[in-house]
Amino acid sequence: MALKGQTEIMRHFYRLGAGWLALGLTALASALPAAAQDPVADFYKGKTLRIIIGYAPGGGYDIYGRVFAESFGKFVPGNPTIIAQNMTGAGSFIAAKYLYAVAPQDGTSFGSLAQTLPLDYAMSTEQKDLDASKMPYIGRLVSNIDLGAGVPGAWFKDFEDARKKEIVVGATGAASPGYLLPTALNMYAGSKFKIVFGYKGSNDVLLAAERKEVDLIGSIGIATMLVRNPDWILERKAPMVYQAALTRHALLPHVAALPELATSADGKAVLTAVAASAEIGRSIITTPNVPPARLAALRKAFNAMIADAAFIDLMKKRNIMIEPLTGEQVDKISTDTLQTPPDVLKLVQSLVTVK
């Protein structure tokens, strides 16, 4: 009798086990099509992605490139890891050409590159190494208004002083904003800037200014300054000579914007074209030929990241400005820049050929 009871109990457990097995197989079968419907997550799962930063550590492009690397992977399907790599030289063009021609073109490589990239490409007469129109943006973290900034205790106060006496300016590459802005102002606004270029990044130029190797940082973003030396802006402890913007920023109502400094109609057109790149700011770009579904997923992930409450709170704690745009919006700015009238481009081009 006991044996019979034990046999029934065993049969019950076998039936129960078979039921669970059947249920598990059913769940597995239903899960398989779902997984197959998310090839983007399958692609990114377990992968390590890279963002190439075209400037040295410590500057604005580096700060925002590393913010992207730290946070973006959490929002990408498959939750890949992202690492940051600095690749300096030629005002970020070495990094740009690497992304365009060498890096994998599958949605695993990104760039934090010069905001002037579309303008630089539009001016190029040899459009062989890079085609900016084929490199889509993922999104913008912040606009970037570049400043011509002195250090506390500098002998000059504003742009009028630059029209009266030579000011030595530090810049990165000869195609960088730090070179382009003072060169444009020399030609179209009557300034007397002497430009020393070849520094690896804006942080190096800042250090050079603090050591009195140069008088002025040719271009450093408001966002970068607010992280590094916020009192220079908020308490006006250092002179800001110009701002590369179409209109004056709310934090700098006393600093002239580029177009208003022009002394001629041609000058205003050129300085307006140069200042427009501020809207691209610190944006994240990717390679050509990323599959459309992957590009759409990356842009969706970027939008989710910049709207995430924890991300926003983290940026506030670090005093890092966020003024986002979608990838599509930045692409539109890039496209408009690429369509700048040829006569204006020729005038801008003449600026970067002066060495």
Protein backbone atom coordinates (compact mmCIF):
# COMPACT_ATOMS: atom_id res chain seq x y z
CA MET A 1 0.00 0.00 0.00
CA ALA A 2 2.82 2.31 0.96
CA LEU A 3 4.65 1.38 -2.22
CA LYS A 4 1.56 2.12 -4.26
CA GLY A 5 1.23 5.53 -2.59
CA GLN A 6 4.87 6.32 -3.24
CA THR A 7 4.42 5.33 -6.88
CA GLU A 8 1.48 7.70 -7.26
CA ILE A 9 3.42 10.52 -5.64
CA MET A 10 6.34 9.91 -8.01
CA ARG A 11 3.98 9.89 -10.99
CA HIS A 12 2.51 13.18 -9.76
CA PHE A 13 5.93 14.81 -9.63
CA TYR A 14 6.85 13.45 -13.04
CA ARG A 15 3.62 14.88 -14.45
CA LEU A 16 4.32 18.18 -12.63
CA GLY A 17 7.87 18.23 -13.97
CA ALA A 18 6.66 17.49 -17.46
CA GLY A 19 4.18 20.33 -17.14
CA TRP A 20 6.88 22.76 -16.08
CA LEU A 21 9.10 21.53 -18.87
CA ALA A 22 6.33 22.04 -21.40
CA LEU A 23 5.63 25.48 -19.97
CA GLY A 24 9.32 26.36 -20.14
CA LEU A 25 9.60 25.17 -23.72
CA THR A 26 6.53 27.18 -24.65
CA ALA A 27 7.99 30.29 -23.01
CA LEU A 28 11.29 29.71 -24.76
CA ALA A 29 9.58 29.27 -28.10
CA SER A 30 7.63 32.48 -27.60
CA ALA A 31 10.76 34.34 -26.50
CA LEU A 32 12.85 33.36 -29.51
CA PRO A 33 10.85 35.36 -32.06
CA ALA A 34 10.95 38.39 -29.72
CA ALA A 35 14.74 38.22 -29.57
CA ALA A 36 14.88 37.83 -33.30
CA GLN A 37 12.79 40.99 -33.61
CA ASP A 38 15.49 43.09 -31.88
CA PRO A 39 18.60 42.68 -34.04
CA VAL A 40 19.97 45.99 -32.73
CA ALA A 41 20.15 44.65 -29.17
CA ASP A 42 21.66 41.41 -30.47
CA PHE A 43 24.30 43.38 -32.34
CA TYR A 44 25.34 45.60 -29.42
CA LYS A 45 25.18 43.06 -26.61
CA GLY A 46 28.66 42.40 -25.24
CA LYS A 47 30.34 44.89 -27.59
CA THR A 48 32.79 47.65 -26.71
CA LEU A 49 32.20 50.88 -28.63
CA ARG A 50 34.63 53.79 -28.99
CA ILE A 51 34.30 57.54 -29.10
CA ILE A 52 37.26 59.27 -30.71
CA ILE A 53 37.93 62.69 -29.19
CA GLY A 54 39.80 64.94 -31.59
CA TYR A 55 41.47 67.02 -28.90
CA ALA A 56 43.68 66.55 -25.83
CA PRO A 57 42.27 65.72 -22.38
CA GLY A 58 40.81 68.51 -20.28
CA GLY A 59 39.08 70.66 -22.91
CA GLY A 60 35.42 70.94 -23.82
CA TYR A 61 35.41 68.27 -26.52
CA ASP A 62 37.07 65.89 -24.05
CA ILE A 63 34.67 66.69 -21.21
CA TYR A 64 31.58 66.06 -23.31
CA GLY A 65 33.07 63.10 -25.14
CA ARG A 66 33.74 61.40 -21.81
CA VAL A 67 30.28 62.29 -20.47
CA PHE A 68 28.89 60.53 -23.53
CA ALA A 69 31.14 57.50 -23.03
CA GLU A 70 30.18 57.21 -19.38
CA SER A 71 26.41 57.34 -19.80
CA PHE A 72 25.32 56.48 -23.35
CA GLY A 73 25.76 52.70 -23.24
CA LYS A 74 23.05 52.35 -20.58
CA PHE A 75 20.46 53.53 -23.07
CA VAL A 76 21.60 51.61 -26.14
CA PRO A 77 19.82 48.27 -26.74
CA GLY A 78 22.16 45.52 -25.55
CA ASN A 79 23.90 47.90 -23.11
CA PRO A 80 27.37 47.97 -24.69
CA THR A 81 30.45 49.41 -23.01
CA ILE A 82 31.86 52.66 -24.43
CA ILE A 83 35.46 53.79 -24.09
CA ALA A 84 36.93 57.20 -24.92
CA GLN A 85 40.14 57.68 -26.89
CA ASN A 86 41.91 60.97 -27.60
CA MET A 87 43.30 61.37 -31.11
CA THR A 88 44.75 64.84 -31.42
CA GLY A 89 46.01 66.86 -34.36
CA ALA A 90 45.00 69.27 -37.13
CA GLY A 91 42.08 70.78 -35.23
CA SER A 92 40.47 67.29 -34.88
CA PHE A 93 40.80 66.51 -38.60
CA ILE A 94 43.05 63.51 -37.91
CA ALA A 95 40.26 62.04 -35.80
CA ALA A 96 37.63 63.01 -38.39
CA LYS A 97 39.52 61.31 -41.22
CA TYR A 98 40.03 58.22 -39.06
CA LEU A 99 36.29 57.96 -38.44
CA TYR A 100 35.52 58.56 -42.08
CA ALA A 101 37.96 56.13 -43.67
CA VAL A 102 39.38 53.71 -41.08
CA ALA A 103 36.97 53.08 -38.20
CA PRO A 104 34.28 50.38 -38.53
CA GLN A 105 31.22 51.84 -40.23
CA ASP A 106 28.69 49.78 -38.31
CA GLY A 107 27.53 52.04 -35.48
CA THR A 108 30.34 51.17 -33.05
CA SER A 109 32.46 54.29 -33.54
CA PHE A 110 31.65 57.88 -32.63
CA GLY A 111 33.43 61.22 -32.61
CA SER A 112 33.68 64.40 -30.59
CA LEU A 113 35.01 66.64 -33.35
CA ALA A 114 35.38 70.32 -34.20
CA GLN A 115 32.05 72.08 -34.42
CA THR A 116 33.39 73.76 -37.57
CA LEU A 117 33.66 70.43 -39.42
CA PRO A 118 30.80 71.16 -41.89
CA LEU A 119 32.15 74.66 -42.59
CA ASP A 120 35.69 73.33 -43.01
CA TYR A 121 34.45 70.69 -45.43
CA ALA A 122 32.35 73.21 -47.38
CA MET A 123 35.48 75.32 -47.86
CA SER A 124 37.63 72.39 -48.92
CA THR A 125 38.86 72.33 -52.51
CA GLU A 126 40.10 68.74 -52.22
CA GLN A 127 37.09 66.79 -51.02
CA LYS A 128 38.75 63.38 -51.17
CA ASP A 129 39.76 62.42 -47.64
CA LEU A 130 36.44 63.24 -46.00
CA ASP A 131 32.83 64.02 -46.91
CA ALA A 132 31.09 65.67 -43.95
CA SER A 133 27.68 65.29 -45.61
CA LYS A 134 27.94 61.51 -45.17
CA MET A 135 28.69 61.60 -41.45
CA PRO A 136 25.43 61.75 -39.44
CA TYR A 137 25.12 63.24 -35.99
CA ILE A 138 23.73 61.29 -33.02
CA GLY A 139 22.81 64.43 -31.12
CA ARG A 140 24.09 67.59 -29.42
CA LEU A 141 24.93 67.75 -25.75
CA VAL A 142 25.42 71.50 -25.60
CA SER A 143 25.77 74.49 -27.87
CA ASN A 144 29.22 75.96 -27.77
CA ILE A 145 29.93 79.61 -27.87
CA ASP A 146 33.68 79.99 -28.11
CA LEU A 147 35.20 82.87 -26.22
CA GLY A 148 38.35 84.87 -26.71
CA ALA A 149 39.34 84.77 -23.06
CA GLY A 150 42.10 86.41 -21.09
CA VAL A 151 43.16 85.47 -17.57
CA PRO A 152 42.65 87.44 -14.36
CA GLY A 153 45.01 90.39 -14.25
CA ALA A 154 45.34 90.72 -18.05
CA TRP A 155 46.21 94.22 -19.26
CA PHE A 156 43.28 94.38 -21.71
CA LYS A 157 39.57 94.59 -20.99
CA ASP A 158 37.60 94.25 -24.22
CA PHE A 159 37.77 94.11 -28.01
CA GLU A 160 38.54 97.80 -28.34
CA ASP A 161 41.89 97.12 -26.68
CA ALA A 162 42.61 94.51 -29.38
CA ARG A 163 42.17 97.22 -32.00
CA LYS A 164 44.76 99.42 -30.30
CA LYS A 165 47.60 97.05 -29.38
CA GLU A 166 48.87 93.58 -30.29
CA ILE A 167 47.52 90.69 -28.22
CA VAL A 168 49.24 87.29 -28.47
CA VAL A 169 46.66 84.52 -28.98
CA GLY A 170 47.12 80.79 -28.33
CA ALA A 171 45.38 78.24 -30.58
CA THR A 172 45.44 74.54 -31.46
CA GLY A 173 45.60 73.73 -35.19
CA ALA A 174 45.59 76.18 -38.07
CA ALA A 175 42.11 74.94 -38.96
CA SER A 176 40.78 75.28 -35.41
CA PRO A 177 38.37 77.92 -34.07
CA GLY A 178 41.20 79.28 -31.93
CA TYR A 179 43.05 80.19 -35.12
CA LEU A 180 40.06 81.04 -37.31
CA LEU A 181 38.32 83.48 -34.95
CA PRO A 182 41.18 85.91 -34.29
CA THR A 183 42.26 85.67 -37.93
CA ALA A 184 38.75 86.63 -39.07
CA LEU A 185 38.65 89.48 -36.59
CA ASN A 186 42.03 90.76 -37.76
CA MET A 187 40.79 90.89 -41.33
CA TYR A 188 37.21 92.06 -40.83
CA ALA A 189 37.10 93.85 -37.47
CA GLY A 190 40.42 95.68 -37.20
CA SER A 191 42.03 93.73 -34.36
CA LYS A 192 45.78 93.21 -33.93
CA PHE A 193 45.96 89.60 -32.76
CA LYS A 194 49.24 87.70 -33.14
CA ILE A 195 48.44 83.99 -33.29
CA VAL A 196 50.61 81.18 -31.95
CA PHE A 197 49.17 77.78 -32.87
CA GLY A 198 50.18 74.17 -32.35
CA TYR A 199 48.80 73.48 -28.87
CA LYS A 200 47.09 70.09 -28.45
CA GLY A 201 43.88 71.34 -26.89
CA SER A 202 42.13 74.30 -25.29
CA ASN A 203 43.28 73.16 -21.88
CA ASP A 204 46.90 73.48 -23.02
CA VAL A 205 46.21 76.97 -24.33
CA LEU A 206 44.60 77.87 -21.01
CA LEU A 207 47.69 76.69 -19.14
CA ALA A 208 49.87 78.67 -21.54
CA ALA A 209 47.84 81.80 -20.78
CA GLU A 210 48.16 81.20 -17.06
CA ARG A 211 51.94 80.89 -17.53
CA LYS A 212 51.86 84.14 -19.58
CA GLU A 213 53.19 82.43 -22.70
CA VAL A 214 50.19 83.94 -24.52
CA ASP A 215 47.80 86.75 -23.62
CA LEU A 216 44.54 85.30 -24.89
CA ILE A 217 42.93 81.89 -25.33
CA GLY A 218 41.75 82.01 -28.93
CA SER A 219 38.71 79.80 -28.31
CA ILE A 220 37.35 78.19 -25.19
CA GLY A 221 33.69 77.29 -24.78
CA ILE A 222 31.40 78.84 -22.20
CA ALA A 223 30.52 75.36 -20.96
CA THR A 224 34.18 74.47 -20.50
CA MET A 225 34.88 77.73 -18.68
CA LEU A 226 31.95 77.14 -16.33
CA VAL A 227 33.47 73.80 -15.35
CA ARG A 228 37.08 74.95 -15.12
CA ASN A 229 36.87 78.60 -13.96
CA PRO A 230 33.23 79.59 -13.43
CA ASP A 231 34.16 82.78 -11.55
CA TRP A 232 35.91 84.11 -14.65
CA ILE A 233 32.46 84.40 -16.24
CA LEU A 234 29.98 84.59 -13.38
CA GLU A 235 32.02 87.12 -11.38
CA ARG A 236 33.73 88.66 -14.42
CA LYS A 237 37.18 88.03 -12.98
CA ALA A 238 38.80 87.63 -16.42
CA PRO A 239 38.34 89.68 -19.59
CA MET A 240 36.30 88.13 -22.40
CA VAL A 241 37.20 89.89 -25.63
CA TYR A 242 34.71 88.31 -28.07
CA GLN A 243 32.14 85.54 -28.30
CA ALA A 244 31.62 83.41 -31.41
CA ALA A 245 27.86 83.67 -31.43
CA LEU A 246 25.22 85.27 -33.59
CA THR A 247 23.90 87.20 -30.58
CA ARG A 248 25.22 87.83 -27.09
CA HIS A 249 24.76 84.99 -24.60
CA ALA A 250 22.70 85.77 -21.49
CA LEU A 251 25.74 85.15 -19.26
CA LEU A 252 27.88 87.54 -21.30
CA PRO A 253 25.76 90.56 -22.21
CA HIS A 254 28.85 92.81 -21.99
CA VAL A 255 30.88 90.82 -24.57
CA ALA A 256 30.52 91.58 -28.28
CA ALA A 257 29.31 88.83 -30.64
CA LEU A 258 31.27 88.32 -33.86
CA PRO A 259 28.86 89.82 -36.43
CA GLU A 260 28.51 93.11 -34.56
CA LEU A 261 32.28 93.63 -34.66
CA ALA A 262 32.45 93.63 -38.46
CA THR A 263 33.54 96.81 -40.21
CA SER A 264 32.05 95.93 -43.64
CA ALA A 265 29.18 94.01 -45.25
CA ASP A 266 31.51 91.25 -46.42
CA GLY A 267 32.95 91.06 -42.95
CA LYS A 268 29.53 90.66 -41.40
CA ALA A 269 28.69 87.81 -43.81
CA VAL A 270 31.95 86.03 -43.00
CA LEU A 271 31.71 86.50 -39.25
CA THR A 272 28.09 85.34 -39.33
CA ALA A 273 29.08 82.14 -41.17
CA VAL A 274 31.88 81.50 -38.68
CA ALA A 275 29.64 82.12 -35.67
CA ALA A 276 26.91 79.76 -36.90
CA SER A 277 28.99 76.72 -35.95
CA ALA A 278 28.26 77.50 -32.30
CA GLU A 279 24.90 75.79 -32.83
CA ILE A 280 26.65 72.49 -33.59
CA GLY A 281 28.63 72.87 -30.39
CA ARG A 282 29.60 69.69 -28.59
CA SER A 283 27.78 67.17 -30.74
CA ILE A 284 28.40 63.47 -31.20
CA ILE A 285 28.96 62.29 -34.77
CA THR A 286 29.30 58.82 -36.23
CA THR A 287 30.75 57.20 -39.33
CA PRO A 288 29.21 56.94 -42.80
CA ASN A 289 27.18 53.88 -43.76
CA VAL A 290 25.70 53.02 -40.37
CA PRO A 291 22.65 50.79 -41.06
CA PRO A 292 19.48 52.93 -40.81
CA ALA A 293 17.86 50.83 -38.06
CA ARG A 294 21.02 51.10 -35.95
CA LEU A 295 21.32 54.85 -36.53
CA ALA A 296 17.69 55.33 -35.52
CA ALA A 297 18.26 53.25 -32.36
CA LEU A 298 21.36 55.27 -31.47
CA ARG A 299 19.51 58.56 -31.87
CA LYS A 300 16.63 57.23 -29.78
CA ALA A 301 19.10 56.17 -27.09
CA PHE A 302 20.71 59.63 -27.13
CA ASN A 303 17.32 61.30 -26.71
CA ALA A 304 16.53 58.96 -23.80
CA MET A 305 19.87 59.75 -22.15
CA ILE A 306 19.50 63.55 -22.25
CA ALA A 307 15.93 63.27 -20.90
CA ASP A 308 16.89 60.90 -18.08
CA ALA A 309 16.42 62.46 -14.63
CA ALA A 310 19.49 60.74 -13.16
CA PHE A 311 21.67 61.95 -16.05
CA ILE A 312 20.38 65.51 -15.73
CA ASP A 313 20.99 65.47 -11.98
CA LEU A 314 24.53 64.15 -12.47
CA MET A 315 25.33 66.93 -14.94
CA LYS A 316 24.00 69.55 -12.51
CA LYS A 317 26.19 68.18 -9.72
CA ARG A 318 29.23 68.41 -12.01
CA ASN A 319 28.27 71.90 -13.21
CA ILE A 320 28.19 70.63 -16.80
CA MET A 321 25.78 72.49 -19.07
CA ILE A 322 23.36 70.50 -21.22
CA GLU A 323 21.54 72.23 -24.11
CA PRO A 324 20.53 69.28 -26.30
CA LEU A 325 19.43 68.92 -29.88
CA THR A 326 18.46 65.74 -31.70
CA GLY A 327 20.70 64.20 -34.32
CA GLU A 328 18.25 65.23 -37.01
CA GLN A 329 18.37 68.85 -35.86
CA VAL A 330 22.17 68.92 -35.91
CA ASP A 331 22.15 67.29 -39.35
CA LYS A 332 19.94 70.17 -40.54
CA ILE A 333 22.44 72.75 -39.22
CA SER A 334 25.25 70.84 -40.92
CA THR A 335 23.34 70.73 -44.21
CA ASP A 336 22.59 74.47 -44.07
CA THR A 337 26.27 75.18 -43.41
CA LEU A 338 27.30 73.04 -46.36
CA GLN A 339 25.03 75.23 -48.51
CA THR A 340 26.72 78.51 -47.53
CA PRO A 341 27.08 80.71 -50.67
CA PRO A 342 30.38 80.11 -52.51
CA ASP A 343 31.43 83.76 -52.37
CA VAL A 344 31.17 83.78 -48.57
CA LEU A 345 32.99 80.44 -48.35
CA LYS A 346 35.79 81.85 -50.49
CA LEU A 347 36.24 84.71 -48.07
CA VAL A 348 36.24 82.37 -45.06
CA GLN A 349 38.66 80.06 -46.88
CA SER A 350 41.08 82.94 -47.34
CA LEU A 351 41.30 83.21 -43.56
CA VAL A 352 42.63 79.69 -42.95
CA THR A 353 45.21 79.95 -45.75
CA VAL A 354 46.92 82.79 -43.92
CA LYS A 355 49.72 81.18 -41.88
